[in-house]
C-alpha atoms as a PDB file:
ATOM      1  CA  MET A   1     -18.902  28.917   5.840  1.00  0.00           C
ATOM      2  CA  SER A   2     -17.954  25.426   6.213  1.00  0.00           C
ATOM      3  CA  ASN A   3     -15.446  23.600   8.106  1.00  0.00           C
ATOM      4  CA  GLN A   4     -14.529  22.248   4.535  1.00  0.00           C
ATOM      5  CA  ASP A   5     -13.567  26.216   2.833  1.00  0.00           C
ATOM      6  CA  ARG A   6     -11.025  26.882   6.239  1.00  0.00           C
ATOM      7  CA  GLU A   7      -9.610  22.985   5.497  1.00  0.00           C
ATOM      8  CA  GLN A   8      -8.994  24.024   2.149  1.00  0.00           C
ATOM      9  CA  VAL A   9      -7.403  27.459   2.983  1.00  0.00           C
ATOM     10  CA  VAL A  10      -4.981  26.118   5.653  1.00  0.00           C
ATOM     11  CA  GLU A  11      -3.951  23.219   2.965  1.00  0.00           C
ATOM     12  CA  HIS A  12      -2.670  26.625   0.726  1.00  0.00           C
ATOM     13  CA  VAL A  13      -1.295  28.149   3.692  1.00  0.00           C
ATOM     14  CA  LYS A  14       0.620  24.479   4.497  1.00  0.00           C
ATOM     15  CA  ALA A  15       1.582  24.040   0.561  1.00  0.00           C
ATOM     16  CA  ALA A  16       3.319  27.732   0.786  1.00  0.00           C
ATOM     17  CA  TYR A  17       4.999  27.239   3.881  1.00  0.00           C
ATOM     18  CA  ALA A  18       6.572  23.640   2.554  1.00  0.00           C
ATOM     19  CA  GLU A  19       7.395  25.516  -0.758  1.00  0.00           C
ATOM     20  CA  GLY A  20       9.307  28.249   1.367  1.00  0.00           C
ATOM     21  CA  ARG A  21       7.021  31.167   0.586  1.00  0.00           C
ATOM     22  CA  LEU A  22       6.340  31.672   3.939  1.00  0.00           C
ATOM     23  CA  ASP A  23       8.243  31.865   7.404  1.00  0.00           C
ATOM     24  CA  GLU A  24       7.502  30.504  10.614  1.00  0.00           C
ATOM     25  CA  LEU A  25       5.916  33.485  11.842  1.00  0.00           C
ATOM     26  CA  GLU A  26       3.898  34.174   8.846  1.00  0.00           C
ATOM     27  CA  PHE A  27       3.045  30.355   8.869  1.00  0.00           C
ATOM     28  CA  ASP A  28       1.795  30.536  12.490  1.00  0.00           C
ATOM     29  CA  ASP A  29      -0.256  34.240  11.942  1.00  0.00           C
ATOM     30  CA  ARG A  30      -2.311  32.987   8.232  1.00  0.00           C
ATOM     31  CA  LEU A  31      -3.038  29.871  10.168  1.00  0.00           C
ATOM     32  CA  GLU A  32      -4.592  31.216  13.406  1.00  0.00           C
ATOM     33  CA  ARG A  33      -6.544  33.539  11.106  1.00  0.00           C
ATOM     34  CA  ALA A  34      -8.188  30.581   9.047  1.00  0.00           C
ATOM     35  CA  MET A  35      -8.609  28.908  11.410  1.00  0.00           C
ATOM     36  CA  THR A  36     -10.813  31.623  13.458  1.00  0.00           C
ATOM     37  CA  ALA A  37     -12.472  32.806   9.995  1.00  0.00           C
ATOM     38  CA  ARG A  38     -15.865  33.659  10.949  1.00  0.00           C
ATOM     39  CA  VAL A  39     -17.273  34.434   7.016  1.00  0.00           C
ATOM     40  CA  HIS A  40     -16.134  33.693   3.909  1.00  0.00           C
ATOM     41  CA  GLY A  41     -14.877  37.066   3.517  1.00  0.00           C
ATOM     42  CA  ASP A  42     -12.221  36.542   6.391  1.00  0.00           C
ATOM     43  CA  LEU A  43     -10.781  33.533   4.078  1.00  0.00           C
ATOM     44  CA  ILE A  44     -10.211  35.715   1.112  1.00  0.00           C
ATOM     45  CA  PRO A  45      -7.162  38.286   2.688  1.00  0.00           C
ATOM     46  CA  ILE A  46      -5.259  35.358   3.332  1.00  0.00           C
ATOM     47  CA  MET A  47      -5.650  34.092  -0.343  1.00  0.00           C
ATOM     48  CA  GLN A  48      -4.638  37.008  -1.679  1.00  0.00           C
ATOM     49  CA  GLU A  49      -1.346  37.132   0.481  1.00  0.00           C
ATOM     50  CA  LEU A  50      -0.709  34.099  -0.610  1.00  0.00           C
ATOM     51  CA  TYR A  51      -1.149  34.386  -4.694  1.00  0.00           C
ATOM     52  CA  GLY A  52      -1.946  37.790  -5.189  1.00  0.00           C
ATOM     53  CA  SER A  53      -5.076  38.739  -7.221  1.00  0.00           C
ATOM     54  CA  ARG A  54      -4.655  35.463  -9.639  1.00  0.00           C
ATOM     55  CA  PRO A  55      -7.214  32.565  -8.677  1.00  0.00           C
ATOM     56  CA  PRO A  56      -5.124  29.518  -6.856  1.00  0.00           C
ATOM     57  CA  LEU A  57      -4.147  26.337  -8.331  1.00  0.00           C
ATOM     58  CA  PRO A  58      -6.055  23.456  -6.718  1.00  0.00           C
ATOM     59  CA  ALA A  59      -4.092  22.464  -3.629  1.00  0.00           C
ATOM     60  CA  PRO A  60      -1.634  20.019  -3.508  1.00  0.00           C
ATOM     61  CA  TYR A  61      -1.004  16.950  -1.012  1.00  0.00           C
ATOM     62  CA  PRO A  62      -0.066  18.112   1.874  1.00  0.00           C
ATOM     63  CA  PRO A  63       3.716  16.938   2.567  1.00  0.00           C
ATOM     64  CA  GLN A  64       2.608  14.029   4.881  1.00  0.00           C
ATOM     65  CA  ALA A  65      -0.048  12.550   2.412  1.00  0.00           C
ATOM     66  CA  ARG A  66       2.317  12.651  -0.304  1.00  0.00           C
ATOM     67  CA  PRO A  67       2.898   9.201  -1.905  1.00  0.00           C
ATOM     68  CA  ALA A  68       6.112   7.849  -1.566  1.00  0.00           C
ATOM     69  CA  PRO A  69       7.924   6.754  -4.857  1.00  0.00           C
ATOM     70  CA  GLY A  70       6.797   3.525  -6.135  1.00  0.00           C
ATOM     71  CA  MET A  71       4.332   3.365  -3.231  1.00  0.00           C
ATOM     72  CA  ALA A  72       0.505   3.445  -4.258  1.00  0.00           C
ATOM     73  CA  HIS A  73      -1.864   6.091  -2.353  1.00  0.00           C
ATOM     74  CA  HIS A  74      -3.134   3.318   0.728  1.00  0.00           C
ATOM     75  CA  GLY A  75       0.446   2.613   1.222  1.00  0.00           C
ATOM     76  CA  ARG A  76       0.866  -0.821  -0.360  1.00  0.00           C
ATOM     77  CA  PRO A  77       4.072  -1.554  -2.956  1.00  0.00           C
ATOM     78  CA  GLN A  78       3.977  -1.013  -6.638  1.00  0.00           C
ATOM     79  CA  ALA A  79       5.553  -2.426  -9.459  1.00  0.00           C
ATOM     80  CA  ARG A  80       8.233   0.047 -10.459  1.00  0.00           C
ATOM     81  CA  THR A  81       8.742  -2.184 -13.206  1.00  0.00           C
ATOM     82  CA  GLY A  82       7.454  -5.847 -15.117  1.00  0.00           C
ATOM     83  CA  GLY A  83      10.903  -7.534 -13.711  1.00  0.00           C
ATOM     84  CA  ASP A  84       8.913  -6.613 -10.566  1.00  0.00           C
ATOM     85  CA  ARG A  85       5.397  -8.211 -11.620  1.00  0.00           C
ATOM     86  CA  VAL A  86       7.338 -11.492 -13.106  1.00  0.00           C
ATOM     87  CA  GLY A  87       9.193 -11.990  -9.865  1.00  0.00           C
ATOM     88  CA  ALA A  88       6.431 -11.351  -7.578  1.00  0.00           C
ATOM     89  CA  ALA A  89       4.434 -13.937  -9.722  1.00  0.00           C
ATOM     90  CA  ALA A  90       7.396 -16.212  -9.881  1.00  0.00           C
ATOM     91  CA  ALA A  91       6.713 -16.257  -5.733  1.00  0.00           C
ATOM     92  CA  HIS A  92       3.142 -17.456  -6.299  1.00  0.00           C
ATOM     93  CA  LEU A  93       3.713 -19.243  -9.065  1.00  0.00           C
ATOM     94  CA  LEU A  94       7.228 -21.659  -8.164  1.00  0.00           C
ATOM     95  CA  PRO A  95       4.986 -23.773  -5.439  1.00  0.00           C
ATOM     96  CA  LEU A  96       3.183 -25.307  -8.534  1.00  0.00           C
ATOM     97  CA  ALA A  97       6.698 -26.675  -9.628  1.00  0.00           C
ATOM     98  CA  GLY A  98       7.153 -28.515  -6.529  1.00  0.00           C
ATOM     99  CA  LEU A  99       9.213 -25.859  -4.907  1.00  0.00           C
ATOM    100  CA  PHE A 100       6.562 -25.443  -2.157  1.00  0.00           C
ATOM    101  CA  VAL A 101       8.043 -23.368   0.506  1.00  0.00           C
ATOM    102  CA  LEU A 102      11.821 -23.667  -1.384  1.00  0.00           C
ATOM    103  CA  GLY A 103      10.163 -21.024  -4.162  1.00  0.00           C
ATOM    104  CA  PRO A 104       8.467 -18.448  -2.257  1.00  0.00           C
ATOM    105  CA  LEU A 105      11.839 -18.157   0.389  1.00  0.00           C
ATOM    106  CA  VAL A 106      13.813 -17.690  -2.633  1.00  0.00           C
ATOM    107  CA  MET A 107      12.192 -15.022  -4.224  1.00  0.00           C
ATOM    108  CA  LEU A 108      11.853 -13.009  -0.703  1.00  0.00           C
ATOM    109  CA  LEU A 109      15.740 -13.541  -0.241  1.00  0.00           C
ATOM    110  CA  ALA A 110      16.712 -13.218  -3.924  1.00  0.00           C
ATOM    111  CA  ALA A 111      14.641  -9.941  -4.761  1.00  0.00           C
ATOM    112  CA  GLY A 112      12.809  -8.944  -1.592  1.00  0.00           C
ATOM    113  CA  ARG A 113      15.512  -6.324  -0.592  1.00  0.00           C
ATOM    114  CA  THR A 114      15.590  -5.012  -3.984  1.00  0.00           C
ATOM    115  CA  SER A 115      11.448  -4.609  -4.841  1.00  0.00           C
ATOM    116  CA  PRO A 116       8.987  -4.176  -1.514  1.00  0.00           C
ATOM    117  CA  TYR A 117       6.737  -5.159  -3.993  1.00  0.00           C
ATOM    118  CA  ILE A 118       8.432  -8.430  -4.583  1.00  0.00           C
ATOM    119  CA  ARG A 119       8.687  -8.720  -1.063  1.00  0.00           C
ATOM    120  CA  ARG A 120       5.111  -8.290  -0.184  1.00  0.00           C
ATOM    121  CA  HIS A 121       3.768 -10.913  -2.403  1.00  0.00           C
ATOM    122  CA  ALA A 122       7.101 -13.643  -1.335  1.00  0.00           C
ATOM    123  CA  VAL A 123       6.090 -13.135   1.832  1.00  0.00           C
ATOM    124  CA  GLU A 124       2.322 -13.644   1.450  1.00  0.00           C
ATOM    125  CA  ALA A 125       3.292 -17.174  -0.798  1.00  0.00           C
ATOM    126  CA  LEU A 126       5.761 -17.752   1.734  1.00  0.00           C
ATOM    127  CA  ASN A 127       3.306 -17.642   4.758  1.00  0.00           C
ATOM    128  CA  PHE A 128       0.282 -19.526   2.866  1.00  0.00           C
ATOM    129  CA  HIS A 129       1.939 -22.220   2.119  1.00  0.00           C
ATOM    130  CA  LEU A 130       3.877 -22.967   5.221  1.00  0.00           C
ATOM    131  CA  THR A 131      -0.209 -22.813   6.722  1.00  0.00           C
ATOM    132  CA  LEU A 132      -1.214 -25.576   4.201  1.00  0.00           C
ATOM    133  CA  ILE A 133       1.266 -27.319   4.848  1.00  0.00           C
ATOM    134  CA  GLY A 134       0.910 -26.870   8.524  1.00  0.00           C
ATOM    135  CA  ALA A 135      -2.484 -28.105   7.842  1.00  0.00           C
ATOM    136  CA  THR A 136      -1.602 -30.478   5.526  1.00  0.00           C
ATOM    137  CA  ILE A 137       0.167 -32.492   9.067  1.00  0.00           C
ATOM    138  CA  VAL A 138      -2.285 -31.671  11.421  1.00  0.00           C
ATOM    139  CA  LEU A 139      -5.056 -32.991   9.324  1.00  0.00           C
ATOM    140  CA  ALA A 140      -3.070 -36.102   8.325  1.00  0.00           C
ATOM    141  CA  ILE A 141      -3.642 -37.591  11.801  1.00  0.00           C
ATOM    142  CA  THR A 142      -7.730 -37.345  11.380  1.00  0.00           C
ATOM    143  CA  PHE A 143     -10.165 -39.343   9.821  1.00  0.00           C
ATOM    144  CA  VAL A 144     -11.478 -36.231   8.471  1.00  0.00           C
ATOM    145  CA  GLY A 145      -8.016 -35.156   7.004  1.00  0.00           C
ATOM    146  CA  ALA A 146      -8.033 -37.593   4.355  1.00  0.00           C
ATOM    147  CA  VAL A 147     -11.098 -35.948   2.713  1.00  0.00           C
ATOM    148  CA  LEU A 148      -9.838 -32.514   3.464  1.00  0.00           C
ATOM    149  CA  VAL A 149      -6.333 -32.762   2.808  1.00  0.00           C
ATOM    150  CA  PRO A 150      -6.668 -33.269  -1.098  1.00  0.00           C
ATOM    151  CA  LEU A 151      -9.013 -30.583  -1.355  1.00  0.00           C
ATOM    152  CA  LEU A 152      -6.766 -27.958   0.603  1.00  0.00           C
ATOM    153  CA  TRP A 153      -4.117 -28.939  -1.955  1.00  0.00           C
ATOM    154  CA  VAL A 154      -6.339 -28.356  -5.055  1.00  0.00           C
ATOM    155  CA  GLY A 155      -7.583 -24.920  -3.335  1.00  0.00           C
ATOM    156  CA  GLY A 156      -3.892 -24.371  -2.936  1.00  0.00           C
ATOM    157  CA  VAL A 157      -2.771 -24.465  -6.211  1.00  0.00           C
ATOM    158  CA  VAL A 158      -5.981 -22.425  -7.266  1.00  0.00           C
ATOM    159  CA  LEU A 159      -5.203 -19.583  -5.336  1.00  0.00           C
ATOM    160  CA  SER A 160      -1.424 -20.004  -6.177  1.00  0.00           C
ATOM    161  CA  VAL A 161      -2.307 -19.340  -9.919  1.00  0.00           C
ATOM    162  CA  VAL A 162      -4.972 -16.572  -8.879  1.00  0.00           C
ATOM    163  CA  GLY A 163      -1.989 -14.510  -6.551  1.00  0.00           C
ATOM    164  CA  GLY A 164       0.308 -14.923  -9.315  1.00  0.00           C
ATOM    165  CA  LEU A 165      -2.038 -13.537 -12.004  1.00  0.00           C
ATOM    166  CA  ALA A 166      -2.764 -10.895  -9.631  1.00  0.00           C
ATOM    167  CA  ALA A 167       0.952 -10.103  -8.889  1.00  0.00           C
ATOM    168  CA  LEU A 168       1.046  -9.694 -13.026  1.00  0.00           C
ATOM    169  CA  GLY A 169      -2.176  -7.540 -13.003  1.00  0.00           C
ATOM    170  CA  GLU A 170      -0.281  -5.258 -10.169  1.00  0.00           C
ATOM    171  CA  GLY A 171      -3.038  -6.565  -8.155  1.00  0.00           C
ATOM    172  CA  ASP A 172      -2.678  -6.736  -4.180  1.00  0.00           C
ATOM    173  CA  PHE A 173      -3.502 -10.628  -3.155  1.00  0.00           C
ATOM    174  CA  ARG A 174      -4.100 -11.967   0.453  1.00  0.00           C
ATOM    175  CA  TYR A 175      -4.479 -15.803   0.694  1.00  0.00           C
ATOM    176  CA  PRO A 176      -7.595 -16.649   2.978  1.00  0.00           C
ATOM    177  CA  PHE A 177      -7.087 -18.726   5.883  1.00  0.00           C
ATOM    178  CA  THR A 178      -3.594 -17.961   6.604  1.00  0.00           C
ATOM    179  CA  LEU A 179      -1.237 -17.973   9.179  1.00  0.00           C
ATOM    180  CA  ARG A 180       1.399 -15.040   8.962  1.00  0.00           C
ATOM    181  CA  PRO A 181       4.304 -15.573  11.172  1.00  0.00           C
ATOM    182  CA  VAL A 182       6.485 -14.346   8.300  1.00  0.00           C
ATOM    183  CA  LYS A 183       6.459 -10.239   8.035  1.00  0.00           C
END
């Protein structure tokens, strides 16, 4: 018998307790028996007590591992509507219209409270454009900066488009080489 067999039975016991089919004493008893089982035959009575003679259904998510509504399995917010995707894409693309910091900031303040998806993308775009402007100011005082600044802005345009497309496709996008003062 493997630890995986024990863990599967423990998950069934936890699910039954979460569903209210077991009280605390029954839960503790079955959990103790499952964790101390030495052979597969020790687990069968526990499963029969939970389900009778019918075969059990696949184990559901344990209560703590169940994803929240609108959240992916990895904990990142997901777009609930097409409007969320468009708003998140706008946060990345408004800087291309000349609203470098203002565009993502407006999206963050306007829709960031109602949509975690838009907020995540707006914060990422805002941090990137703050970093880009800061790098431009710092590099402008050096000779090397005269060469690098135009390259930075071309890269900024490309990354903004990539970020906008990722947001439309419900993807996760992080700008490289970005300071993240806004959380």
